[in-house]
Amino acid sequence: MDVVWTRSPRAANEIVDELSARCDWEPATIKTMLNRLVKKGALKFKAEGKRYLYAPAVTREACVRTEGRSFLDRVFGGAAGAMIAHFVEDAKLSKSEIEQLRRLLDRKDR
């Protein structure tokens, strides 16, 4: 999705070239992924001659929100506090990141 969020519309061959260089994926795998993303409603496309041009059908923010909720439900049983505690315990946080977390929690507490 990052490929089309960065610049769109993008031709299928452009997406294949970029992802092949990044991920070492086969072109057929990338085309299968594009088709699945279209079926899921994450991508839209239009035919332009023999080319297919792809563009995002959802914003990055909407996708992050949906996938974040799905991850929280699957991995932490919907318990946001447990997830946050896990990541805070496991992460190396700078002083400014810790202060940002404190401000967020203080706002949430009010």
PDB file of N, CA and C in Angstrom:
ATOM      1  N   MET A   1       0.833  -1.196   0.000  1.00  0.00           N
ATOM      2  CA  MET A   1       0.000   0.000   0.000  1.00  0.00           C
ATOM      3  C   MET A   1       0.872   1.252   0.000  1.00  0.00           C
ATOM      4  N   ASP A   2       2.013   1.165   0.660  1.00  0.00           N
ATOM      5  CA  ASP A   2       2.892   2.325   0.731  1.00  0.00           C
ATOM      6  C   ASP A   2       3.271   2.821  -0.663  1.00  0.00           C
ATOM      7  N   VAL A   3       3.433   1.906  -1.593  1.00  0.00           N
ATOM      8  CA  VAL A   3       3.805   2.267  -2.963  1.00  0.00           C
ATOM      9  C   VAL A   3       2.748   3.164  -3.595  1.00  0.00           C
ATOM     10  N   VAL A   4       1.474   2.866  -3.384  1.00  0.00           N
ATOM     11  CA  VAL A   4       0.421   3.692  -3.985  1.00  0.00           C
ATOM     12  C   VAL A   4       0.047   4.880  -3.110  1.00  0.00           C
ATOM     13  N   TRP A   5       0.276   4.796  -1.797  1.00  0.00           N
ATOM     14  CA  TRP A   5       0.036   5.969  -0.956  1.00  0.00           C
ATOM     15  C   TRP A   5       1.065   7.049  -1.264  1.00  0.00           C
ATOM     16  N   THR A   6       2.274   6.638  -1.597  1.00  0.00           N
ATOM     17  CA  THR A   6       3.338   7.595  -1.895  1.00  0.00           C
ATOM     18  C   THR A   6       3.075   8.341  -3.191  1.00  0.00           C
ATOM     19  N   ARG A   7       2.614   7.600  -4.204  1.00  0.00           N
ATOM     20  CA  ARG A   7       2.341   8.228  -5.506  1.00  0.00           C
ATOM     21  C   ARG A   7       1.310   7.375  -6.227  1.00  0.00           C
ATOM     22  N   SER A   8       0.274   8.015  -6.712  1.00  0.00           N
ATOM     23  CA  SER A   8      -0.742   7.273  -7.456  1.00  0.00           C
ATOM     24  C   SER A   8      -1.406   8.219  -8.451  1.00  0.00           C
ATOM     25  N   PRO A   9      -2.006   7.685  -9.486  1.00  0.00           N
ATOM     26  CA  PRO A   9      -2.114   6.259  -9.792  1.00  0.00           C
ATOM     27  C   PRO A   9      -0.770   5.706 -10.262  1.00  0.00           C
ATOM     28  N   ARG A  10      -0.593   4.412 -10.055  1.00  0.00           N
ATOM     29  CA  ARG A  10       0.625   3.715 -10.464  1.00  0.00           C
ATOM     30  C   ARG A  10       0.258   2.543 -11.357  1.00  0.00           C
ATOM     31  N   ALA A  11       1.019   2.369 -12.416  1.00  0.00           N
ATOM     32  CA  ALA A  11       0.811   1.230 -13.313  1.00  0.00           C
ATOM     33  C   ALA A  11       1.290  -0.040 -12.615  1.00  0.00           C
ATOM     34  N   ALA A  12       0.656  -1.139 -12.952  1.00  0.00           N
ATOM     35  CA  ALA A  12       1.009  -2.424 -12.336  1.00  0.00           C
ATOM     36  C   ALA A  12       2.490  -2.721 -12.501  1.00  0.00           C
ATOM     37  N   ASN A  13       3.047  -2.464 -13.679  1.00  0.00           N
ATOM     38  CA  ASN A  13       4.469  -2.775 -13.879  1.00  0.00           C
ATOM     39  C   ASN A  13       5.375  -1.914 -13.004  1.00  0.00           C
ATOM     40  N   GLU A  14       4.982  -0.672 -12.718  1.00  0.00           N
ATOM     41  CA  GLU A  14       5.764   0.174 -11.805  1.00  0.00           C
ATOM     42  C   GLU A  14       5.754  -0.413 -10.394  1.00  0.00           C
ATOM     43  N   ILE A  15       4.577  -0.852  -9.966  1.00  0.00           N
ATOM     44  CA  ILE A  15       4.441  -1.445  -8.628  1.00  0.00           C
ATOM     45  C   ILE A  15       5.269  -2.722  -8.543  1.00  0.00           C
ATOM     46  N   VAL A  16       5.177  -3.550  -9.572  1.00  0.00           N
ATOM     47  CA  VAL A  16       5.951  -4.798  -9.609  1.00  0.00           C
ATOM     48  C   VAL A  16       7.446  -4.495  -9.538  1.00  0.00           C
ATOM     49  N   ASP A  17       7.916  -3.541 -10.332  1.00  0.00           N
ATOM     50  CA  ASP A  17       9.345  -3.196 -10.336  1.00  0.00           C
ATOM     51  C   ASP A  17       9.811  -2.711  -8.968  1.00  0.00           C
ATOM     52  N   GLU A  18       9.036  -1.820  -8.353  1.00  0.00           N
ATOM     53  CA  GLU A  18       9.436  -1.268  -7.063  1.00  0.00           C
ATOM     54  C   GLU A  18       9.429  -2.330  -5.961  1.00  0.00           C
ATOM     55  N   LEU A  19       8.374  -3.129  -5.913  1.00  0.00           N
ATOM     56  CA  LEU A  19       8.296  -4.148  -4.863  1.00  0.00           C
ATOM     57  C   LEU A  19       9.283  -5.285  -5.086  1.00  0.00           C
ATOM     58  N   SER A  20       9.565  -5.623  -6.325  1.00  0.00           N
ATOM     59  CA  SER A  20      10.558  -6.666  -6.603  1.00  0.00           C
ATOM     60  C   SER A  20      11.928  -6.246  -6.076  1.00  0.00           C
ATOM     61  N   ALA A  21      12.253  -4.970  -6.235  1.00  0.00           N
ATOM     62  CA  ALA A  21      13.535  -4.463  -5.755  1.00  0.00           C
ATOM     63  C   ALA A  21      13.596  -4.430  -4.225  1.00  0.00           C
ATOM     64  N   ARG A  22      12.472  -4.112  -3.587  1.00  0.00           N
ATOM     65  CA  ARG A  22      12.416  -4.004  -2.123  1.00  0.00           C
ATOM     66  C   ARG A  22      12.321  -5.352  -1.417  1.00  0.00           C
ATOM     67  N   CYS A  23      11.493  -6.245  -1.955  1.00  0.00           N
ATOM     68  CA  CYS A  23      11.067  -7.427  -1.203  1.00  0.00           C
ATOM     69  C   CYS A  23      11.524  -8.759  -1.770  1.00  0.00           C
ATOM     70  N   ASP A  24      12.131  -8.756  -2.945  1.00  0.00           N
ATOM     71  CA  ASP A  24      12.526 -10.010  -3.585  1.00  0.00           C
ATOM     72  C   ASP A  24      11.325 -10.912  -3.829  1.00  0.00           C
ATOM     73  N   TRP A  25      10.188 -10.307  -4.179  1.00  0.00           N
ATOM     74  CA  TRP A  25       8.977 -11.063  -4.503  1.00  0.00           C
ATOM     75  C   TRP A  25       8.922 -11.289  -6.007  1.00  0.00           C
ATOM     76  N   GLU A  26       8.303 -12.386  -6.385  1.00  0.00           N
ATOM     77  CA  GLU A  26       8.078 -12.682  -7.796  1.00  0.00           C
ATOM     78  C   GLU A  26       6.954 -11.782  -8.339  1.00  0.00           C
ATOM     79  N   PRO A  27       7.022 -11.398  -9.603  1.00  0.00           N
ATOM     80  CA  PRO A  27       5.956 -10.570 -10.181  1.00  0.00           C
ATOM     81  C   PRO A  27       4.565 -11.178 -10.036  1.00  0.00           C
ATOM     82  N   ALA A  28       4.437 -12.480 -10.179  1.00  0.00           N
ATOM     83  CA  ALA A  28       3.120 -13.122 -10.048  1.00  0.00           C
ATOM     84  C   ALA A  28       2.573 -12.959  -8.635  1.00  0.00           C
ATOM     85  N   THR A  29       3.443 -13.017  -7.642  1.00  0.00           N
ATOM     86  CA  THR A  29       3.025 -12.830  -6.251  1.00  0.00           C
ATOM     87  C   THR A  29       2.500 -11.413  -6.042  1.00  0.00           C
ATOM     88  N   ILE A  30       3.193 -10.453  -6.603  1.00  0.00           N
ATOM     89  CA  ILE A  30       2.786  -9.045  -6.460  1.00  0.00           C
ATOM     90  C   ILE A  30       1.448  -8.813  -7.157  1.00  0.00           C
ATOM     91  N   LYS A  31       1.265  -9.374  -8.330  1.00  0.00           N
ATOM     92  CA  LYS A  31      -0.003  -9.203  -9.047  1.00  0.00           C
ATOM     93  C   LYS A  31      -1.156  -9.871  -8.291  1.00  0.00           C
ATOM     94  N   THR A  32      -0.884 -11.020  -7.681  1.00  0.00           N
ATOM     95  CA  THR A  32      -1.901 -11.673  -6.847  1.00  0.00           C
ATOM     96  C   THR A  32      -2.269 -10.784  -5.666  1.00  0.00           C
ATOM     97  N   MET A  33      -1.264 -10.181  -5.044  1.00  0.00           N
ATOM     98  CA  MET A  33      -1.509  -9.279  -3.922  1.00  0.00           C
ATOM     99  C   MET A  33      -2.339  -8.074  -4.363  1.00  0.00           C
ATOM    100  N   LEU A  34      -2.030  -7.506  -5.529  1.00  0.00           N
ATOM    101  CA  LEU A  34      -2.808  -6.371  -6.042  1.00  0.00           C
ATOM    102  C   LEU A  34      -4.269  -6.770  -6.225  1.00  0.00           C
ATOM    103  N   ASN A  35      -4.505  -7.934  -6.814  1.00  0.00           N
ATOM    104  CA  ASN A  35      -5.878  -8.402  -7.006  1.00  0.00           C
ATOM    105  C   ASN A  35      -6.598  -8.594  -5.680  1.00  0.00           C
ATOM    106  N   ARG A  36      -5.907  -9.134  -4.692  1.00  0.00           N
ATOM    107  CA  ARG A  36      -6.536  -9.330  -3.374  1.00  0.00           C
ATOM    108  C   ARG A  36      -6.859  -7.999  -2.707  1.00  0.00           C
ATOM    109  N   LEU A  37      -5.970  -7.023  -2.858  1.00  0.00           N
ATOM    110  CA  LEU A  37      -6.224  -5.703  -2.273  1.00  0.00           C
ATOM    111  C   LEU A  37      -7.397  -5.016  -2.966  1.00  0.00           C
ATOM    112  N   VAL A  38      -7.570  -5.249  -4.265  1.00  0.00           N
ATOM    113  CA  VAL A  38      -8.733  -4.716  -4.979  1.00  0.00           C
ATOM    114  C   VAL A  38      -9.998  -5.374  -4.446  1.00  0.00           C
ATOM    115  N   LYS A  39      -9.994  -6.697  -4.303  1.00  0.00           N
ATOM    116  CA  LYS A  39     -11.172  -7.424  -3.805  1.00  0.00           C
ATOM    117  C   LYS A  39     -11.544  -7.008  -2.386  1.00  0.00           C
ATOM    118  N   LYS A  40     -10.533  -6.676  -1.560  1.00  0.00           N
ATOM    119  CA  LYS A  40     -10.790  -6.249  -0.180  1.00  0.00           C
ATOM    120  C   LYS A  40     -11.229  -4.787  -0.099  1.00  0.00           C
ATOM    121  N   GLY A  41     -11.138  -4.071  -1.225  1.00  0.00           N
ATOM    122  CA  GLY A  41     -11.555  -2.671  -1.247  1.00  0.00           C
ATOM    123  C   GLY A  41     -10.476  -1.697  -0.818  1.00  0.00           C
ATOM    124  N   ALA A  42      -9.240  -2.164  -0.692  1.00  0.00           N
ATOM    125  CA  ALA A  42      -8.147  -1.278  -0.294  1.00  0.00           C
ATOM    126  C   ALA A  42      -7.560  -0.530  -1.487  1.00  0.00           C
ATOM    127  N   LEU A  43      -7.613  -1.152  -2.658  1.00  0.00           N
ATOM    128  CA  LEU A  43      -7.130  -0.539  -3.895  1.00  0.00           C
ATOM    129  C   LEU A  43      -8.269  -0.434  -4.893  1.00  0.00           C
ATOM    130  N   LYS A  44      -8.164   0.549  -5.763  1.00  0.00           N
ATOM    131  CA  LYS A  44      -9.066   0.629  -6.913  1.00  0.00           C
ATOM    132  C   LYS A  44      -8.180   0.694  -8.155  1.00  0.00           C
ATOM    133  N   PHE A  45      -8.748   0.367  -9.287  1.00  0.00           N
ATOM    134  CA  PHE A  45      -7.965   0.401 -10.514  1.00  0.00           C
ATOM    135  C   PHE A  45      -8.829   0.839 -11.673  1.00  0.00           C
ATOM    136  N   LYS A  46      -8.140   1.280 -12.717  1.00  0.00           N
ATOM    137  CA  LYS A  46      -8.824   1.554 -13.985  1.00  0.00           C
ATOM    138  C   LYS A  46      -7.909   1.079 -15.103  1.00  0.00           C
ATOM    139  N   ALA A  47      -8.541   0.570 -16.137  1.00  0.00           N
ATOM    140  CA  ALA A  47      -7.797   0.109 -17.302  1.00  0.00           C
ATOM    141  C   ALA A  47      -7.530   1.309 -18.200  1.00  0.00           C
ATOM    142  N   GLU A  48      -6.298   1.404 -18.653  1.00  0.00           N
ATOM    143  CA  GLU A  48      -5.904   2.465 -19.585  1.00  0.00           C
ATOM    144  C   GLU A  48      -5.158   1.777 -20.719  1.00  0.00           C
ATOM    145  N   GLY A  49      -5.899   1.442 -21.749  1.00  0.00           N
ATOM    146  CA  GLY A  49      -5.311   0.632 -22.816  1.00  0.00           C
ATOM    147  C   GLY A  49      -5.038  -0.761 -22.283  1.00  0.00           C
ATOM    148  N   LYS A  50      -3.801  -1.199 -22.405  1.00  0.00           N
ATOM    149  CA  LYS A  50      -3.418  -2.522 -21.894  1.00  0.00           C
ATOM    150  C   LYS A  50      -2.879  -2.450 -20.464  1.00  0.00           C
ATOM    151  N   ARG A  51      -2.806  -1.243 -19.919  1.00  0.00           N
ATOM    152  CA  ARG A  51      -2.260  -1.074 -18.560  1.00  0.00           C
ATOM    153  C   ARG A  51      -3.373  -0.964 -17.543  1.00  0.00           C
ATOM    154  N   TYR A  52      -3.064  -1.396 -16.327  1.00  0.00           N
ATOM    155  CA  TYR A  52      -3.952  -1.180 -15.187  1.00  0.00           C
ATOM    156  C   TYR A  52      -3.276  -0.165 -14.282  1.00  0.00           C
ATOM    157  N   LEU A  53      -4.022   0.877 -13.936  1.00  0.00           N
ATOM    158  CA  LEU A  53      -3.515   1.908 -13.032  1.00  0.00           C
ATOM    159  C   LEU A  53      -4.188   1.724 -11.677  1.00  0.00           C
ATOM    160  N   TYR A  54      -3.376   1.648 -10.636  1.00  0.00           N
ATOM    161  CA  TYR A  54      -3.872   1.399  -9.283  1.00  0.00           C
ATOM    162  C   TYR A  54      -3.742   2.656  -8.426  1.00  0.00           C
ATOM    163  N   ALA A  55      -4.728   2.841  -7.554  1.00  0.00           N
ATOM    164  CA  ALA A  55      -4.731   3.956  -6.609  1.00  0.00           C
ATOM    165  C   ALA A  55      -5.342   3.462  -5.302  1.00  0.00           C
ATOM    166  N   PRO A  56      -4.989   4.089  -4.191  1.00  0.00           N
ATOM    167  CA  PRO A  56      -5.566   3.651  -2.920  1.00  0.00           C
ATOM    168  C   PRO A  56      -7.055   3.971  -2.859  1.00  0.00           C
ATOM    169  N   ALA A  57      -7.813   3.049  -2.291  1.00  0.00           N
ATOM    170  CA  ALA A  57      -9.244   3.277  -2.067  1.00  0.00           C
ATOM    171  C   ALA A  57      -9.495   3.660  -0.614  1.00  0.00           C
ATOM    172  N   VAL A  58      -8.459   3.544   0.212  1.00  0.00           N
ATOM    173  CA  VAL A  58      -8.544   3.915   1.629  1.00  0.00           C
ATOM    174  C   VAL A  58      -7.333   4.772   1.977  1.00  0.00           C
ATOM    175  N   THR A  59      -7.495   5.627   2.962  1.00  0.00           N
ATOM    176  CA  THR A  59      -6.370   6.441   3.411  1.00  0.00           C
ATOM    177  C   THR A  59      -5.452   5.606   4.297  1.00  0.00           C
ATOM    178  N   ARG A  60      -4.218   6.054   4.414  1.00  0.00           N
ATOM    179  CA  ARG A  60      -3.262   5.390   5.312  1.00  0.00           C
ATOM    180  C   ARG A  60      -3.818   5.382   6.738  1.00  0.00           C
ATOM    181  N   GLU A  61      -4.415   6.503   7.154  1.00  0.00           N
ATOM    182  CA  GLU A  61      -4.944   6.620   8.512  1.00  0.00           C
ATOM    183  C   GLU A  61      -6.061   5.604   8.770  1.00  0.00           C
ATOM    184  N   ALA A  62      -6.962   5.460   7.821  1.00  0.00           N
ATOM    185  CA  ALA A  62      -8.057   4.495   7.978  1.00  0.00           C
ATOM    186  C   ALA A  62      -7.517   3.070   8.035  1.00  0.00           C
ATOM    187  N   CYS A  63      -6.527   2.779   7.221  1.00  0.00           N
ATOM    188  CA  CYS A  63      -5.931   1.441   7.211  1.00  0.00           C
ATOM    189  C   CYS A  63      -5.215   1.159   8.537  1.00  0.00           C
ATOM    190  N   VAL A  64      -4.455   2.115   9.029  1.00  0.00           N
ATOM    191  CA  VAL A  64      -3.750   1.940  10.301  1.00  0.00           C
ATOM    192  C   VAL A  64      -4.753   1.727  11.435  1.00  0.00           C
ATOM    193  N   ARG A  65      -5.835   2.487  11.432  1.00  0.00           N
ATOM    194  CA  ARG A  65      -6.862   2.346  12.463  1.00  0.00           C
ATOM    195  C   ARG A  65      -7.494   0.951  12.422  1.00  0.00           C
ATOM    196  N   THR A  66      -7.861   0.497  11.239  1.00  0.00           N
ATOM    197  CA  THR A  66      -8.494  -0.807  11.086  1.00  0.00           C
ATOM    198  C   THR A  66      -7.528  -1.939  11.441  1.00  0.00           C
ATOM    199  N   GLU A  67      -6.319  -1.868  10.920  1.00  0.00           N
ATOM    200  CA  GLU A  67      -5.337  -2.924  11.192  1.00  0.00           C
ATOM    201  C   GLU A  67      -4.895  -2.905  12.653  1.00  0.00           C
ATOM    202  N   GLY A  68      -4.788  -1.711  13.227  1.00  0.00           N
ATOM    203  CA  GLY A  68      -4.440  -1.611  14.648  1.00  0.00           C
ATOM    204  C   GLY A  68      -5.493  -2.260  15.525  1.00  0.00           C
ATOM    205  N   ARG A  69      -6.750  -2.010  15.229  1.00  0.00           N
ATOM    206  CA  ARG A  69      -7.858  -2.623  15.988  1.00  0.00           C
ATOM    207  C   ARG A  69      -7.838  -4.136  15.819  1.00  0.00           C
ATOM    208  N   SER A  70      -7.601  -4.600  14.597  1.00  0.00           N
ATOM    209  CA  SER A  70      -7.544  -6.040  14.326  1.00  0.00           C
ATOM    210  C   SER A  70      -6.400  -6.686  15.103  1.00  0.00           C
ATOM    211  N   PHE A  71      -5.227  -6.049  15.107  1.00  0.00           N
ATOM    212  CA  PHE A  71      -4.071  -6.561  15.857  1.00  0.00           C
ATOM    213  C   PHE A  71      -4.385  -6.604  17.350  1.00  0.00           C
ATOM    214  N   LEU A  72      -4.952  -5.526  17.872  1.00  0.00           N
ATOM    215  CA  LEU A  72      -5.306  -5.473  19.289  1.00  0.00           C
ATOM    216  C   LEU A  72      -6.261  -6.604  19.661  1.00  0.00           C
ATOM    217  N   ASP A  73      -7.265  -6.826  18.849  1.00  0.00           N
ATOM    218  CA  ASP A  73      -8.240  -7.889  19.121  1.00  0.00           C
ATOM    219  C   ASP A  73      -7.615  -9.273  19.024  1.00  0.00           C
ATOM    220  N   ARG A  74      -6.833  -9.518  17.974  1.00  0.00           N
ATOM    221  CA  ARG A  74      -6.246 -10.843  17.757  1.00  0.00           C
ATOM    222  C   ARG A  74      -5.185 -11.197  18.787  1.00  0.00           C
ATOM    223  N   VAL A  75      -4.279 -10.260  19.054  1.00  0.00           N
ATOM    224  CA  VAL A  75      -3.104 -10.572  19.860  1.00  0.00           C
ATOM    225  C   VAL A  75      -3.324 -10.309  21.351  1.00  0.00           C
ATOM    226  N   PHE A  76      -4.102  -9.283  21.680  1.00  0.00           N
ATOM    227  CA  PHE A  76      -4.277  -8.904  23.081  1.00  0.00           C
ATOM    228  C   PHE A  76      -5.717  -9.030  23.555  1.00  0.00           C
ATOM    229  N   GLY A  77      -6.561  -9.699  22.777  1.00  0.00           N
ATOM    230  CA  GLY A  77      -7.952  -9.896  23.175  1.00  0.00           C
ATOM    231  C   GLY A  77      -8.696  -8.593  23.395  1.00  0.00           C
ATOM    232  N   GLY A  78      -8.281  -7.534  22.694  1.00  0.00           N
ATOM    233  CA  GLY A  78      -8.944  -6.243  22.804  1.00  0.00           C
ATOM    234  C   GLY A  78      -8.491  -5.405  23.995  1.00  0.00           C
ATOM    235  N   ALA A  79      -7.550  -5.900  24.785  1.00  0.00           N
ATOM    236  CA  ALA A  79      -7.087  -5.190  25.992  1.00  0.00           C
ATOM    237  C   ALA A  79      -5.996  -4.182  25.639  1.00  0.00           C
ATOM    238  N   ALA A  80      -6.403  -2.937  25.435  1.00  0.00           N
ATOM    239  CA  ALA A  80      -5.454  -1.896  25.027  1.00  0.00           C
ATOM    240  C   ALA A  80      -4.382  -1.668  26.086  1.00  0.00           C
ATOM    241  N   GLY A  81      -4.761  -1.695  27.348  1.00  0.00           N
ATOM    242  CA  GLY A  81      -3.788  -1.482  28.419  1.00  0.00           C
ATOM    243  C   GLY A  81      -2.681  -2.523  28.399  1.00  0.00           C
ATOM    244  N   ALA A  82      -3.054  -3.778  28.168  1.00  0.00           N
ATOM    245  CA  ALA A  82      -2.060  -4.851  28.104  1.00  0.00           C
ATOM    246  C   ALA A  82      -1.120  -4.653  26.926  1.00  0.00           C
ATOM    247  N   MET A  83      -1.677  -4.223  25.802  1.00  0.00           N
ATOM    248  CA  MET A  83      -0.842  -3.988  24.631  1.00  0.00           C
ATOM    249  C   MET A  83       0.131  -2.842  24.880  1.00  0.00           C
ATOM    250  N   ILE A  84      -0.381  -1.742  25.413  1.00  0.00           N
ATOM    251  CA  ILE A  84       0.476  -0.583  25.674  1.00  0.00           C
ATOM    252  C   ILE A  84       1.567  -0.946  26.671  1.00  0.00           C
ATOM    253  N   ALA A  85       1.186  -1.647  27.745  1.00  0.00           N
ATOM    254  CA  ALA A  85       2.171  -2.058  28.753  1.00  0.00           C
ATOM    255  C   ALA A  85       3.255  -2.927  28.119  1.00  0.00           C
ATOM    256  N   HIS A  86       2.854  -3.846  27.266  1.00  0.00           N
ATOM    257  CA  HIS A  86       3.830  -4.718  26.601  1.00  0.00           C
ATOM    258  C   HIS A  86       4.827  -3.899  25.797  1.00  0.00           C
ATOM    259  N   PHE A  87       4.331  -2.978  24.976  1.00  0.00           N
ATOM    260  CA  PHE A  87       5.223  -2.206  24.128  1.00  0.00           C
ATOM    261  C   PHE A  87       6.080  -1.233  24.929  1.00  0.00           C
ATOM    262  N   VAL A  88       5.538  -0.659  25.986  1.00  0.00           N
ATOM    263  CA  VAL A  88       6.333   0.249  26.824  1.00  0.00           C
ATOM    264  C   VAL A  88       7.446  -0.522  27.524  1.00  0.00           C
ATOM    265  N   GLU A  89       7.131  -1.697  28.037  1.00  0.00           N
ATOM    266  CA  GLU A  89       8.148  -2.524  28.702  1.00  0.00           C
ATOM    267  C   GLU A  89       9.237  -2.959  27.731  1.00  0.00           C
ATOM    268  N   ASP A  90       8.854  -3.281  26.513  1.00  0.00           N
ATOM    269  CA  ASP A  90       9.767  -3.875  25.541  1.00  0.00           C
ATOM    270  C   ASP A  90      10.583  -2.836  24.765  1.00  0.00           C
ATOM    271  N   ALA A  91      10.089  -1.622  24.654  1.00  0.00           N
ATOM    272  CA  ALA A  91      10.704  -0.613  23.788  1.00  0.00           C
ATOM    273  C   ALA A  91      11.775   0.198  24.507  1.00  0.00           C
ATOM    274  N   LYS A  92      12.717   0.685  23.699  1.00  0.00           N
ATOM    275  CA  LYS A  92      13.684   1.669  24.191  1.00  0.00           C
ATOM    276  C   LYS A  92      13.081   3.025  23.867  1.00  0.00           C
ATOM    277  N   LEU A  93      12.692   3.768  24.899  1.00  0.00           N
ATOM    278  CA  LEU A  93      12.016   5.049  24.699  1.00  0.00           C
ATOM    279  C   LEU A  93      12.928   6.196  25.120  1.00  0.00           C
ATOM    280  N   SER A  94      12.915   7.256  24.344  1.00  0.00           N
ATOM    281  CA  SER A  94      13.664   8.457  24.707  1.00  0.00           C
ATOM    282  C   SER A  94      12.883   9.214  25.777  1.00  0.00           C
ATOM    283  N   LYS A  95      13.544  10.161  26.414  1.00  0.00           N
ATOM    284  CA  LYS A  95      12.867  10.983  27.424  1.00  0.00           C
ATOM    285  C   LYS A  95      11.686  11.728  26.815  1.00  0.00           C
ATOM    286  N   SER A  96      11.840  12.225  25.598  1.00  0.00           N
ATOM    287  CA  SER A  96      10.738  12.964  24.971  1.00  0.00           C
ATOM    288  C   SER A  96       9.569  12.029  24.652  1.00  0.00           C
ATOM    289  N   GLU A  97       9.844  10.792  24.265  1.00  0.00           N
ATOM    290  CA  GLU A  97       8.768   9.836  24.013  1.00  0.00           C
ATOM    291  C   GLU A  97       8.036   9.477  25.306  1.00  0.00           C
ATOM    292  N   ILE A  98       8.789   9.342  26.387  1.00  0.00           N
ATOM    293  CA  ILE A  98       8.174   9.054  27.692  1.00  0.00           C
ATOM    294  C   ILE A  98       7.290  10.216  28.120  1.00  0.00           C
ATOM    295  N   GLU A  99       7.764  11.435  27.927  1.00  0.00           N
ATOM    296  CA  GLU A  99       6.961  12.619  28.264  1.00  0.00           C
ATOM    297  C   GLU A  99       5.704  12.688  27.413  1.00  0.00           C
ATOM    298  N   GLN A 100       5.824  12.365  26.143  1.00  0.00           N
ATOM    299  CA  GLN A 100       4.660  12.357  25.250  1.00  0.00           C
ATOM    300  C   GLN A 100       3.630  11.335  25.742  1.00  0.00           C
ATOM    301  N   LEU A 101       4.084  10.158  26.137  1.00  0.00           N
ATOM    302  CA  LEU A 101       3.180   9.138  26.677  1.00  0.00           C
ATOM    303  C   LEU A 101       2.510   9.621  27.958  1.00  0.00           C
ATOM    304  N   ARG A 102       3.268  10.289  28.828  1.00  0.00           N
ATOM    305  CA  ARG A 102       2.689  10.820  30.070  1.00  0.00           C
ATOM    306  C   ARG A 102       1.592  11.842  29.771  1.00  0.00           C
ATOM    307  N   ARG A 103       1.864  12.723  28.808  1.00  0.00           N
ATOM    308  CA  ARG A 103       0.860  13.727  28.442  1.00  0.00           C
ATOM    309  C   ARG A 103      -0.402  13.055  27.908  1.00  0.00           C
ATOM    310  N   LEU A 104      -0.241  12.053  27.057  1.00  0.00           N
ATOM    311  CA  LEU A 104      -1.398  11.332  26.511  1.00  0.00           C
ATOM    312  C   LEU A 104      -2.195  10.663  27.622  1.00  0.00           C
ATOM    313  N   LEU A 105      -1.493  10.018  28.537  1.00  0.00           N
ATOM    314  CA  LEU A 105      -2.192   9.325  29.629  1.00  0.00           C
ATOM    315  C   LEU A 105      -2.872  10.326  30.569  1.00  0.00           C
ATOM    316  N   ASP A 106      -2.214  11.468  30.831  1.00  0.00           N
ATOM    317  CA  ASP A 106      -2.835  12.505  31.671  1.00  0.00           C
ATOM    318  C   ASP A 106      -4.110  13.024  31.029  1.00  0.00           C
ATOM    319  N   ARG A 107      -4.074  13.263  29.713  1.00  0.00           N
ATOM    320  CA  ARG A 107      -5.275  13.727  29.010  1.00  0.00           C
ATOM    321  C   ARG A 107      -6.378  12.685  29.077  1.00  0.00           C
ATOM    322  N   LYS A 108      -6.010  11.436  28.924  1.00  0.00           N
ATOM    323  CA  LYS A 108      -6.986  10.335  28.954  1.00  0.00           C
ATOM    324  C   LYS A 108      -7.593  10.202  30.346  1.00  0.00           C
ATOM    325  N   ASP A 109      -6.818  10.528  31.369  1.00  0.00           N
ATOM    326  CA  ASP A 109      -7.272  10.393  32.762  1.00  0.00           C
ATOM    327  C   ASP A 109      -8.283  11.472  33.144  1.00  0.00           C
ATOM    328  N   ARG A 110      -8.270  12.584  32.440  1.00  0.00           N
ATOM    329  CA  ARG A 110      -9.175  13.700  32.799  1.00  0.00           C
ATOM    330  C   ARG A 110     -10.582  13.447  32.404  1.00  0.00           C
TER     331      ARG A 110
END
